[in-house]
PDB file of N, CA and C in Angstrom:
ATOM      1  N   MET A   1       0.811  -1.189   0.000  1.00  0.00           N
ATOM      2  CA  MET A   1       0.000   0.000   0.000  1.00  0.00           C
ATOM      3  C   MET A   1       0.856   1.256   0.000  1.00  0.00           C
ATOM      4  N   THR A   2       2.052   1.190   0.577  1.00  0.00           N
ATOM      5  CA  THR A   2       2.916   2.366   0.539  1.00  0.00           C
ATOM      6  C   THR A   2       3.528   2.486  -0.836  1.00  0.00           C
ATOM      7  N   THR A   3       3.970   3.676  -1.138  1.00  0.00           N
ATOM      8  CA  THR A   3       4.489   3.952  -2.475  1.00  0.00           C
ATOM      9  C   THR A   3       5.924   3.500  -2.648  1.00  0.00           C
ATOM     10  N   GLY A   4       6.652   3.303  -1.547  1.00  0.00           N
ATOM     11  CA  GLY A   4       8.046   2.917  -1.646  1.00  0.00           C
ATOM     12  C   GLY A   4       8.946   4.077  -2.031  1.00  0.00           C
ATOM     13  N   LEU A   5       8.439   5.307  -1.960  1.00  0.00           N
ATOM     14  CA  LEU A   5       9.239   6.482  -2.283  1.00  0.00           C
ATOM     15  C   LEU A   5      10.406   6.610  -1.325  1.00  0.00           C
ATOM     16  N   ASP A   6      11.516   7.128  -1.812  1.00  0.00           N
ATOM     17  CA  ASP A   6      12.650   7.423  -0.940  1.00  0.00           C
ATOM     18  C   ASP A   6      12.411   8.810  -0.352  1.00  0.00           C
ATOM     19  N   LEU A   7      11.703   8.848   0.762  1.00  0.00           N
ATOM     20  CA  LEU A   7      11.324  10.126   1.358  1.00  0.00           C
ATOM     21  C   LEU A   7      12.456  10.770   2.132  1.00  0.00           C
ATOM     22  N   ALA A   8      13.514  10.024   2.408  1.00  0.00           N
ATOM     23  CA  ALA A   8      14.659  10.605   3.107  1.00  0.00           C
ATOM     24  C   ALA A   8      15.338  11.671   2.250  1.00  0.00           C
ATOM     25  N   ALA A   9      15.128  11.615   0.952  1.00  0.00           N
ATOM     26  CA  ALA A   9      15.760  12.575   0.041  1.00  0.00           C
ATOM     27  C   ALA A   9      14.900  13.816  -0.182  1.00  0.00           C
ATOM     28  N   THR A  10      13.805  13.949   0.542  1.00  0.00           N
ATOM     29  CA  THR A  10      12.948  15.117   0.343  1.00  0.00           C
ATOM     30  C   THR A  10      13.617  16.366   0.916  1.00  0.00           C
ATOM     31  N   SER A  11      13.320  17.486   0.296  1.00  0.00           N
ATOM     32  CA  SER A  11      13.881  18.757   0.750  1.00  0.00           C
ATOM     33  C   SER A  11      12.973  19.378   1.810  1.00  0.00           C
ATOM     34  N   ASP A  12      13.462  20.416   2.482  1.00  0.00           N
ATOM     35  CA  ASP A  12      12.628  21.124   3.454  1.00  0.00           C
ATOM     36  C   ASP A  12      11.368  21.684   2.801  1.00  0.00           C
ATOM     37  N   ASP A  13      11.446  22.056   1.522  1.00  0.00           N
ATOM     38  CA  ASP A  13      10.260  22.551   0.820  1.00  0.00           C
ATOM     39  C   ASP A  13       9.192  21.458   0.709  1.00  0.00           C
ATOM     40  N   ASP A  14       9.611  20.201   0.648  1.00  0.00           N
ATOM     41  CA  ASP A  14       8.670  19.082   0.570  1.00  0.00           C
ATOM     42  C   ASP A  14       8.195  18.641   1.948  1.00  0.00           C
ATOM     43  N   ARG A  15       8.906  19.038   2.980  1.00  0.00           N
ATOM     44  CA  ARG A  15       8.604  18.591   4.338  1.00  0.00           C
ATOM     45  C   ARG A  15       7.766  19.589   5.138  1.00  0.00           C
ATOM     46  N   TYR A  16       7.889  20.866   4.819  1.00  0.00           N
ATOM     47  CA  TYR A  16       7.257  21.910   5.625  1.00  0.00           C
ATOM     48  C   TYR A  16       6.530  22.930   4.749  1.00  0.00           C
ATOM     49  N   PHE A  17       5.566  23.593   5.354  1.00  0.00           N
ATOM     50  CA  PHE A  17       4.954  24.767   4.730  1.00  0.00           C
ATOM     51  C   PHE A  17       4.894  25.861   5.776  1.00  0.00           C
ATOM     52  N   ARG A  18       4.749  27.094   5.323  1.00  0.00           N
ATOM     53  CA  ARG A  18       4.649  28.241   6.232  1.00  0.00           C
ATOM     54  C   ARG A  18       3.227  28.772   6.219  1.00  0.00           C
ATOM     55  N   HIS A  19       2.775  29.114   7.417  1.00  0.00           N
ATOM     56  CA  HIS A  19       1.462  29.732   7.561  1.00  0.00           C
ATOM     57  C   HIS A  19       1.544  30.687   8.741  1.00  0.00           C
ATOM     58  N   SER A  20       1.147  31.906   8.524  1.00  0.00           N
ATOM     59  CA  SER A  20       1.173  32.941   9.565  1.00  0.00           C
ATOM     60  C   SER A  20       2.541  33.031  10.231  1.00  0.00           C
ATOM     61  N   GLY A  21       3.583  32.909   9.421  1.00  0.00           N
ATOM     62  CA  GLY A  21       4.935  33.074   9.921  1.00  0.00           C
ATOM     63  C   GLY A  21       5.514  31.865  10.634  1.00  0.00           C
ATOM     64  N   ARG A  22       4.733  30.795  10.754  1.00  0.00           N
ATOM     65  CA  ARG A  22       5.219  29.580  11.421  1.00  0.00           C
ATOM     66  C   ARG A  22       5.468  28.484  10.398  1.00  0.00           C
ATOM     67  N   ARG A  23       6.393  27.613  10.725  1.00  0.00           N
ATOM     68  CA  ARG A  23       6.689  26.478   9.863  1.00  0.00           C
ATOM     69  C   ARG A  23       5.956  25.252  10.418  1.00  0.00           C
ATOM     70  N   TRP A  24       5.204  24.577   9.542  1.00  0.00           N
ATOM     71  CA  TRP A  24       4.409  23.416   9.929  1.00  0.00           C
ATOM     72  C   TRP A  24       4.824  22.222   9.075  1.00  0.00           C
ATOM     73  N   ARG A  25       4.832  21.049   9.691  1.00  0.00           N
ATOM     74  CA  ARG A  25       5.186  19.832   8.965  1.00  0.00           C
ATOM     75  C   ARG A  25       4.039  19.418   8.042  1.00  0.00           C
ATOM     76  N   LYS A  26       4.388  19.043   6.831  1.00  0.00           N
ATOM     77  CA  LYS A  26       3.401  18.563   5.869  1.00  0.00           C
ATOM     78  C   LYS A  26       3.012  17.114   6.185  1.00  0.00           C
ATOM     79  N   THR A  27       1.867  16.734   5.660  1.00  0.00           N
ATOM     80  CA  THR A  27       1.391  15.358   5.765  1.00  0.00           C
ATOM     81  C   THR A  27       2.320  14.434   4.985  1.00  0.00           C
ATOM     82  N   ASP A  28       2.505  13.230   5.492  1.00  0.00           N
ATOM     83  CA  ASP A  28       3.313  12.202   4.837  1.00  0.00           C
ATOM     84  C   ASP A  28       2.721  11.918   3.453  1.00  0.00           C
ATOM     85  N   PRO A  29       3.477  12.178   2.378  1.00  0.00           N
ATOM     86  CA  PRO A  29       2.938  11.983   1.027  1.00  0.00           C
ATOM     87  C   PRO A  29       2.764  10.520   0.637  1.00  0.00           C
ATOM     88  N   SER A  30       3.279   9.589   1.436  1.00  0.00           N
ATOM     89  CA  SER A  30       3.143   8.178   1.083  1.00  0.00           C
ATOM     90  C   SER A  30       1.840   7.563   1.598  1.00  0.00           C
ATOM     91  N   ILE A  31       1.054   8.316   2.352  1.00  0.00           N
ATOM     92  CA  ILE A  31      -0.212   7.787   2.871  1.00  0.00           C
ATOM     93  C   ILE A  31      -1.193   7.632   1.707  1.00  0.00           C
ATOM     94  N   PRO A  32      -1.743   6.435   1.528  1.00  0.00           N
ATOM     95  CA  PRO A  32      -2.735   6.241   0.460  1.00  0.00           C
ATOM     96  C   PRO A  32      -3.946   7.154   0.681  1.00  0.00           C
ATOM     97  N   GLU A  33      -4.525   7.628  -0.387  1.00  0.00           N
ATOM     98  CA  GLU A  33      -5.615   8.609  -0.310  1.00  0.00           C
ATOM     99  C   GLU A  33      -6.771   8.168   0.586  1.00  0.00           C
ATOM    100  N   PRO A  34      -7.265   6.934   0.498  1.00  0.00           N
ATOM    101  CA  PRO A  34      -8.388   6.564   1.386  1.00  0.00           C
ATOM    102  C   PRO A  34      -8.015   6.632   2.866  1.00  0.00           C
ATOM    103  N   ILE A  35      -6.792   6.294   3.197  1.00  0.00           N
ATOM    104  CA  ILE A  35      -6.319   6.356   4.585  1.00  0.00           C
ATOM    105  C   ILE A  35      -6.188   7.815   5.012  1.00  0.00           C
ATOM    106  N   ARG A  36      -5.600   8.637   4.145  1.00  0.00           N
ATOM    107  CA  ARG A  36      -5.452  10.059   4.444  1.00  0.00           C
ATOM    108  C   ARG A  36      -6.815  10.692   4.683  1.00  0.00           C
ATOM    109  N   ALA A  37      -7.793  10.346   3.846  1.00  0.00           N
ATOM    110  CA  ALA A  37      -9.135  10.914   3.990  1.00  0.00           C
ATOM    111  C   ALA A  37      -9.752  10.536   5.339  1.00  0.00           C
ATOM    112  N   ARG A  38      -9.564   9.307   5.781  1.00  0.00           N
ATOM    113  CA  ARG A  38     -10.092   8.888   7.081  1.00  0.00           C
ATOM    114  C   ARG A  38      -9.428   9.648   8.215  1.00  0.00           C
ATOM    115  N   LEU A  39      -8.104   9.797   8.134  1.00  0.00           N
ATOM    116  CA  LEU A  39      -7.388  10.539   9.175  1.00  0.00           C
ATOM    117  C   LEU A  39      -7.830  11.995   9.212  1.00  0.00           C
ATOM    118  N   VAL A  40      -7.989  12.606   8.045  1.00  0.00           N
ATOM    119  CA  VAL A  40      -8.429  14.008   7.972  1.00  0.00           C
ATOM    120  C   VAL A  40      -9.849  14.142   8.523  1.00  0.00           C
ATOM    121  N   SER A  41     -10.690  13.156   8.279  1.00  0.00           N
ATOM    122  CA  SER A  41     -12.048  13.184   8.821  1.00  0.00           C
ATOM    123  C   SER A  41     -12.016  13.155  10.349  1.00  0.00           C
ATOM    124  N   HIS A  42     -11.194  12.278  10.918  1.00  0.00           N
ATOM    125  CA  HIS A  42     -11.038  12.238  12.379  1.00  0.00           C
ATOM    126  C   HIS A  42     -10.489  13.577  12.886  1.00  0.00           C
ATOM    127  N   LEU A  43      -9.534  14.144  12.155  1.00  0.00           N
ATOM    128  CA  LEU A  43      -8.951  15.429  12.553  1.00  0.00           C
ATOM    129  C   LEU A  43     -10.026  16.509  12.589  1.00  0.00           C
ATOM    130  N   GLY A  44     -10.868  16.553  11.569  1.00  0.00           N
ATOM    131  CA  GLY A  44     -11.943  17.546  11.534  1.00  0.00           C
ATOM    132  C   GLY A  44     -12.917  17.383  12.685  1.00  0.00           C
ATOM    133  N   ARG A  45     -13.263  16.131  12.996  1.00  0.00           N
ATOM    134  CA  ARG A  45     -14.171  15.893  14.124  1.00  0.00           C
ATOM    135  C   ARG A  45     -13.504  16.305  15.442  1.00  0.00           C
ATOM    136  N   GLY A  46     -12.218  16.040  15.559  1.00  0.00           N
ATOM    137  CA  GLY A  46     -11.504  16.445  16.769  1.00  0.00           C
ATOM    138  C   GLY A  46     -11.465  17.954  16.914  1.00  0.00           C
ATOM    139  N   ARG A  47     -11.171  18.645  15.830  1.00  0.00           N
ATOM    140  CA  ARG A  47     -11.132  20.114  15.882  1.00  0.00           C
ATOM    141  C   ARG A  47     -12.497  20.691  16.213  1.00  0.00           C
ATOM    142  N   SER A  48     -13.536  20.103  15.632  1.00  0.00           N
ATOM    143  CA  SER A  48     -14.896  20.534  15.950  1.00  0.00           C
ATOM    144  C   SER A  48     -15.202  20.296  17.421  1.00  0.00           C
ATOM    145  N   GLY A  49     -14.747  19.162  17.928  1.00  0.00           N
ATOM    146  CA  GLY A  49     -14.941  18.853  19.342  1.00  0.00           C
ATOM    147  C   GLY A  49     -14.237  19.838  20.245  1.00  0.00           C
ATOM    148  N   VAL A  50     -13.049  20.283  19.847  1.00  0.00           N
ATOM    149  CA  VAL A  50     -12.329  21.289  20.637  1.00  0.00           C
ATOM    150  C   VAL A  50     -13.155  22.568  20.698  1.00  0.00           C
ATOM    151  N   ARG A  51     -13.652  23.010  19.542  1.00  0.00           N
ATOM    152  CA  ARG A  51     -14.479  24.233  19.503  1.00  0.00           C
ATOM    153  C   ARG A  51     -15.734  24.084  20.359  1.00  0.00           C
ATOM    154  N   ASN A  52     -16.438  22.974  20.169  1.00  0.00           N
ATOM    155  CA  ASN A  52     -17.718  22.776  20.861  1.00  0.00           C
ATOM    156  C   ASN A  52     -17.555  22.514  22.345  1.00  0.00           C
ATOM    157  N   SER A  53     -16.470  21.907  22.749  1.00  0.00           N
ATOM    158  CA  SER A  53     -16.294  21.543  24.161  1.00  0.00           C
ATOM    159  C   SER A  53     -16.037  22.757  25.040  1.00  0.00           C
ATOM    160  N   LYS A  54     -15.657  23.852  24.433  1.00  0.00           N
ATOM    161  CA  LYS A  54     -15.406  25.056  25.228  1.00  0.00           C
ATOM    162  C   LYS A  54     -16.691  25.563  25.880  1.00  0.00           C
ATOM    163  N   ASN A  55     -17.853  25.147  25.357  1.00  0.00           N
ATOM    164  CA  ASN A  55     -19.134  25.547  25.921  1.00  0.00           C
ATOM    165  C   ASN A  55     -19.665  24.525  26.921  1.00  0.00           C
ATOM    166  N   ASP A  56     -19.032  23.347  26.957  1.00  0.00           N
ATOM    167  CA  ASP A  56     -19.494  22.287  27.860  1.00  0.00           C
ATOM    168  C   ASP A  56     -19.038  22.560  29.283  1.00  0.00           C
ATOM    169  N   ASP A  57     -19.836  22.077  30.210  1.00  0.00           N
ATOM    170  CA  ASP A  57     -19.497  22.220  31.623  1.00  0.00           C
ATOM    171  C   ASP A  57     -19.224  20.824  32.186  1.00  0.00           C
ATOM    172  N   ASP A  58     -18.170  20.185  31.707  1.00  0.00           N
ATOM    173  CA  ASP A  58     -17.891  18.808  32.113  1.00  0.00           C
ATOM    174  C   ASP A  58     -16.494  18.661  32.702  1.00  0.00           C
ATOM    175  N   ASP A  59     -16.001  19.708  33.320  1.00  0.00           N
ATOM    176  CA  ASP A  59     -14.677  19.697  33.947  1.00  0.00           C
ATOM    177  C   ASP A  59     -13.553  19.434  32.939  1.00  0.00           C
ATOM    178  N   GLY A  60     -13.770  19.785  31.685  1.00  0.00           N
ATOM    179  CA  GLY A  60     -12.729  19.656  30.671  1.00  0.00           C
ATOM    180  C   GLY A  60     -12.579  18.274  30.070  1.00  0.00           C
ATOM    181  N   VAL A  61     -13.470  17.336  30.404  1.00  0.00           N
ATOM    182  CA  VAL A  61     -13.370  15.967  29.881  1.00  0.00           C
ATOM    183  C   VAL A  61     -13.504  15.976  28.360  1.00  0.00           C
ATOM    184  N   ALA A  62     -14.505  16.663  27.830  1.00  0.00           N
ATOM    185  CA  ALA A  62     -14.726  16.694  26.373  1.00  0.00           C
ATOM    186  C   ALA A  62     -13.562  17.377  25.663  1.00  0.00           C
ATOM    187  N   LEU A  63     -13.038  18.430  26.262  1.00  0.00           N
ATOM    188  CA  LEU A  63     -11.922  19.144  25.648  1.00  0.00           C
ATOM    189  C   LEU A  63     -10.683  18.248  25.580  1.00  0.00           C
ATOM    190  N   ARG A  64     -10.393  17.542  26.654  1.00  0.00           N
ATOM    191  CA  ARG A  64      -9.236  16.628  26.654  1.00  0.00           C
ATOM    192  C   ARG A  64      -9.415  15.522  25.618  1.00  0.00           C
ATOM    193  N   ALA A  65     -10.614  14.977  25.512  1.00  0.00           N
ATOM    194  CA  ALA A  65     -10.881  13.914  24.538  1.00  0.00           C
ATOM    195  C   ALA A  65     -10.729  14.442  23.114  1.00  0.00           C
ATOM    196  N   ALA A  66     -11.235  15.637  22.863  1.00  0.00           N
ATOM    197  CA  ALA A  66     -11.133  16.222  21.521  1.00  0.00           C
ATOM    198  C   ALA A  66      -9.676  16.514  21.167  1.00  0.00           C
ATOM    199  N   ARG A  67      -8.927  17.034  22.110  1.00  0.00           N
ATOM    200  CA  ARG A  67      -7.508  17.313  21.856  1.00  0.00           C
ATOM    201  C   ARG A  67      -6.731  16.019  21.616  1.00  0.00           C
ATOM    202  N   ALA A  68      -7.090  14.955  22.324  1.00  0.00           N
ATOM    203  CA  ALA A  68      -6.435  13.660  22.105  1.00  0.00           C
ATOM    204  C   ALA A  68      -6.727  13.152  20.695  1.00  0.00           C
ATOM    205  N   THR A  69      -7.939  13.380  20.212  1.00  0.00           N
ATOM    206  CA  THR A  69      -8.301  12.985  18.852  1.00  0.00           C
ATOM    207  C   THR A  69      -7.473  13.753  17.839  1.00  0.00           C
ATOM    208  N   VAL A  70      -7.342  15.050  18.033  1.00  0.00           N
ATOM    209  CA  VAL A  70      -6.531  15.875  17.130  1.00  0.00           C
ATOM    210  C   VAL A  70      -5.085  15.383  17.136  1.00  0.00           C
ATOM    211  N   GLN A  71      -4.546  15.136  18.312  1.00  0.00           N
ATOM    212  CA  GLN A  71      -3.158  14.678  18.418  1.00  0.00           C
ATOM    213  C   GLN A  71      -2.960  13.357  17.673  1.00  0.00           C
ATOM    214  N   LEU A  72      -3.833  12.387  17.906  1.00  0.00           N
ATOM    215  CA  LEU A  72      -3.712  11.090  17.240  1.00  0.00           C
ATOM    216  C   LEU A  72      -3.814  11.220  15.720  1.00  0.00           C
ATOM    217  N   ALA A  73      -4.757  12.030  15.257  1.00  0.00           N
ATOM    218  CA  ALA A  73      -4.921  12.203  13.808  1.00  0.00           C
ATOM    219  C   ALA A  73      -3.679  12.846  13.202  1.00  0.00           C
ATOM    220  N   LYS A  74      -3.133  13.853  13.862  1.00  0.00           N
ATOM    221  CA  LYS A  74      -1.937  14.526  13.343  1.00  0.00           C
ATOM    222  C   LYS A  74      -0.729  13.591  13.375  1.00  0.00           C
ATOM    223  N   GLU A  75      -0.641  12.747  14.397  1.00  0.00           N
ATOM    224  CA  GLU A  75       0.433  11.754  14.422  1.00  0.00           C
ATOM    225  C   GLU A  75       0.277  10.764  13.283  1.00  0.00           C
ATOM    226  N   GLY A  76      -0.952  10.304  13.055  1.00  0.00           N
ATOM    227  CA  GLY A  76      -1.210   9.372  11.961  1.00  0.00           C
ATOM    228  C   GLY A  76      -0.857   9.961  10.606  1.00  0.00           C
ATOM    229  N   LEU A  77      -1.127  11.240  10.449  1.00  0.00           N
ATOM    230  CA  LEU A  77      -0.804  11.938   9.198  1.00  0.00           C
ATOM    231  C   LEU A  77       0.688  12.235   9.064  1.00  0.00           C
ATOM    232  N   GLY A  78       1.429  12.049  10.137  1.00  0.00           N
ATOM    233  CA  GLY A  78       2.866  12.327  10.117  1.00  0.00           C
ATOM    234  C   GLY A  78       3.201  13.774  10.405  1.00  0.00           C
ATOM    235  N   GLU A  79       2.220  14.553  10.838  1.00  0.00           N
ATOM    236  CA  GLU A  79       2.439  15.973  11.107  1.00  0.00           C
ATOM    237  C   GLU A  79       2.991  16.219  12.507  1.00  0.00           C
ATOM    238  N   ARG A  80       2.907  15.208  13.354  1.00  0.00           N
ATOM    239  CA  ARG A  80       3.483  15.267  14.700  1.00  0.00           C
ATOM    240  C   ARG A  80       4.152  13.924  14.983  1.00  0.00           C
ATOM    241  N   GLY A  81       4.988  13.912  16.009  1.00  0.00           N
ATOM    242  CA  GLY A  81       5.687  12.679  16.349  1.00  0.00           C
ATOM    243  C   GLY A  81       6.952  12.536  15.516  1.00  0.00           C
ATOM    244  N   ALA A  82       7.368  11.306  15.317  1.00  0.00           N
ATOM    245  CA  ALA A  82       8.581  11.040  14.545  1.00  0.00           C
ATOM    246  C   ALA A  82       8.435  11.590  13.128  1.00  0.00           C
ATOM    247  N   ALA A  83       9.491  12.181  12.613  1.00  0.00           N
ATOM    248  CA  ALA A  83       9.466  12.740  11.256  1.00  0.00           C
ATOM    249  C   ALA A  83       9.284  11.627  10.238  1.00  0.00           C
ATOM    250  N   TRP A  84       8.292  11.770   9.355  1.00  0.00           N
ATOM    251  CA  TRP A  84       7.994  10.713   8.392  1.00  0.00           C
ATOM    252  C   TRP A  84       9.156  10.421   7.453  1.00  0.00           C
ATOM    253  N   TRP A  85       9.973  11.410   7.150  1.00  0.00           N
ATOM    254  CA  TRP A  85      11.087  11.195   6.222  1.00  0.00           C
ATOM    255  C   TRP A  85      12.223  10.401   6.858  1.00  0.00           C
ATOM    256  N   ASP A  86      12.173  10.245   8.187  1.00  0.00           N
ATOM    257  CA  ASP A  86      13.168   9.434   8.889  1.00  0.00           C
ATOM    258  C   ASP A  86      12.672   8.015   9.141  1.00  0.00           C
ATOM    259  N   GLN A  87      11.444   7.718   8.737  1.00  0.00           N
ATOM    260  CA  GLN A  87      10.860   6.409   8.988  1.00  0.00           C
ATOM    261  C   GLN A  87      10.909   5.538   7.740  1.00  0.00           C
ATOM    262  N   SER A  88      11.009   4.243   7.963  1.00  0.00           N
ATOM    263  CA  SER A  88      10.935   3.285   6.854  1.00  0.00           C
ATOM    264  C   SER A  88       9.480   3.184   6.398  1.00  0.00           C
ATOM    265  N   PRO A  89       9.249   2.645   5.215  1.00  0.00           N
ATOM    266  CA  PRO A  89       7.856   2.454   4.780  1.00  0.00           C
ATOM    267  C   PRO A  89       7.039   1.636   5.792  1.00  0.00           C
ATOM    268  N   GLN A  90       7.650   0.644   6.415  1.00  0.00           N
ATOM    269  CA  GLN A  90       6.942  -0.170   7.405  1.00  0.00           C
ATOM    270  C   GLN A  90       6.601   0.650   8.646  1.00  0.00           C
ATOM    271  N   GLU A  91       7.499   1.503   9.080  1.00  0.00           N
ATOM    272  CA  GLU A  91       7.239   2.357  10.244  1.00  0.00           C
ATOM    273  C   GLU A  91       6.138   3.366   9.942  1.00  0.00           C
ATOM    274  N   ARG A  92       6.154   3.931   8.743  1.00  0.00           N
ATOM    275  CA  ARG A  92       5.105   4.895   8.379  1.00  0.00           C
ATOM    276  C   ARG A  92       3.744   4.210   8.348  1.00  0.00           C
ATOM    277  N   ARG A  93       3.688   3.035   7.737  1.00  0.00           N
ATOM    278  CA  ARG A  93       2.427   2.293   7.673  1.00  0.00           C
ATOM    279  C   ARG A  93       1.945   1.947   9.080  1.00  0.00           C
ATOM    280  N   ALA A  94       2.844   1.464   9.929  1.00  0.00           N
ATOM    281  CA  ALA A  94       2.470   1.127  11.311  1.00  0.00           C
ATOM    282  C   ALA A  94       1.947   2.362  12.040  1.00  0.00           C
ATOM    283  N   ARG A  95       2.539   3.540  11.773  1.00  0.00           N
ATOM    284  CA  ARG A  95       2.122   4.791  12.419  1.00  0.00           C
ATOM    285  C   ARG A  95       0.676   5.103  12.074  1.00  0.00           C
ATOM    286  N   TRP A  96       0.329   5.094  10.788  1.00  0.00           N
ATOM    287  CA  TRP A  96      -1.044   5.476  10.443  1.00  0.00           C
ATOM    288  C   TRP A  96      -2.037   4.374  10.801  1.00  0.00           C
ATOM    289  N   GLU A  97      -1.641   3.107  10.743  1.00  0.00           N
ATOM    290  CA  GLU A  97      -2.550   2.033  11.141  1.00  0.00           C
ATOM    291  C   GLU A  97      -2.853   2.094  12.636  1.00  0.00           C
ATOM    292  N   ARG A  98      -1.828   2.340  13.445  1.00  0.00           N
ATOM    293  CA  ARG A  98      -1.993   2.465  14.892  1.00  0.00           C
ATOM    294  C   ARG A  98      -2.918   3.645  15.217  1.00  0.00           C
ATOM    295  N   ALA A  99      -2.691   4.775  14.559  1.00  0.00           N
ATOM    296  CA  ALA A  99      -3.522   5.958  14.808  1.00  0.00           C
ATOM    297  C   ALA A  99      -4.968   5.702  14.417  1.00  0.00           C
ATOM    298  N   LEU A 100      -5.191   5.101  13.251  1.00  0.00           N
ATOM    299  CA  LEU A 100      -6.564   4.837  12.816  1.00  0.00           C
ATOM    300  C   LEU A 100      -7.269   3.854  13.740  1.00  0.00           C
ATOM    301  N   GLU A 101      -6.568   2.834  14.179  1.00  0.00           N
ATOM    302  CA  GLU A 101      -7.170   1.861  15.095  1.00  0.00           C
ATOM    303  C   GLU A 101      -7.634   2.557  16.374  1.00  0.00           C
ATOM    304  N   GLU A 102      -6.779   3.396  16.928  1.00  0.00           N
ATOM    305  CA  GLU A 102      -7.120   4.112  18.159  1.00  0.00           C
ATOM    306  C   GLU A 102      -8.232   5.141  17.908  1.00  0.00           C
ATOM    307  N   LEU A 103      -8.152   5.865  16.816  1.00  0.00           N
ATOM    308  CA  LEU A 103      -9.181   6.863  16.499  1.00  0.00           C
ATOM    309  C   LEU A 103     -10.544   6.204  16.287  1.00  0.00           C
ATOM    310  N   ASP A 104     -10.567   5.085  15.568  1.00  0.00           N
ATOM    311  CA  ASP A 104     -11.831   4.376  15.351  1.00  0.00           C
ATOM    312  C   ASP A 104     -12.389   3.869  16.677  1.00  0.00           C
ATOM    313  N   ARG A 105     -11.510   3.362  17.553  1.00  0.00           N
ATOM    314  CA  ARG A 105     -11.947   2.884  18.855  1.00  0.00           C
ATOM    315  C   ARG A 105     -12.538   4.030  19.669  1.00  0.00           C
ATOM    316  N   LEU A 106     -11.874   5.184  19.675  1.00  0.00           N
ATOM    317  CA  LEU A 106     -12.381   6.344  20.411  1.00  0.00           C
ATOM    318  C   LEU A 106     -13.700   6.838  19.840  1.00  0.00           C
ATOM    319  N   ALA A 107     -13.820   6.854  18.517  1.00  0.00           N
ATOM    320  CA  ALA A 107     -15.032   7.345  17.877  1.00  0.00           C
ATOM    321  C   ALA A 107     -16.231   6.428  18.146  1.00  0.00           C
ATOM    322  N   ASP A 108     -15.967   5.137  18.296  1.00  0.00           N
ATOM    323  CA  ASP A 108     -17.045   4.170  18.531  1.00  0.00           C
ATOM    324  C   ASP A 108     -17.405   4.046  20.005  1.00  0.00           C
ATOM    325  N   GLY A 109     -16.580   4.633  20.885  1.00  0.00           N
ATOM    326  CA  GLY A 109     -16.807   4.542  22.321  1.00  0.00           C
ATOM    327  C   GLY A 109     -17.872   5.508  22.778  1.00  0.00           C
ATOM    328  N   PRO A 110     -18.041   5.625  24.101  1.00  0.00           N
ATOM    329  CA  PRO A 110     -19.028   6.561  24.656  1.00  0.00           C
ATOM    330  C   PRO A 110     -18.760   7.995  24.184  1.00  0.00           C
ATOM    331  N   GLY A 111     -19.803   8.634  23.708  1.00  0.00           N
ATOM    332  CA  GLY A 111     -19.668  10.010  23.249  1.00  0.00           C
ATOM    333  C   GLY A 111     -19.089  10.114  21.863  1.00  0.00           C
ATOM    334  N   GLY A 112     -18.774   8.972  21.220  1.00  0.00           N
ATOM    335  CA  GLY A 112     -18.230   8.983  19.855  1.00  0.00           C
ATOM    336  C   GLY A 112     -19.326   9.159  18.840  1.00  0.00           C
ATOM    337  N   ARG A 113     -19.023   8.822  17.617  1.00  0.00           N
ATOM    338  CA  ARG A 113     -19.968   8.969  16.492  1.00  0.00           C
ATOM    339  C   ARG A 113     -21.366   8.898  16.927  1.00  0.00           C
TER     340      ARG A 113
END
């Protein structure tokens, strides 16, 4: 499923983008589109949860859960955690599979989907 690209040879222009004066890590380009779409969907739900939880009066439980979802999705996408260009194809695949498994479990749990 991975492309087998030699991502270690990518330049900083391929690894990062700038927004509002900050440098942000790009998504791992070797992630297959259906997997990337699922991770981005979880990321969007997590971000929405962060916004919506600010109105909740639950001692920050919803906010912590939403932030954990965002963190896991960004790790799965390769935007946080170990740099994707330093990982082998097997490590990259394991990263996004682990993130999706956990995200799906969280989404199906109490308060999920």
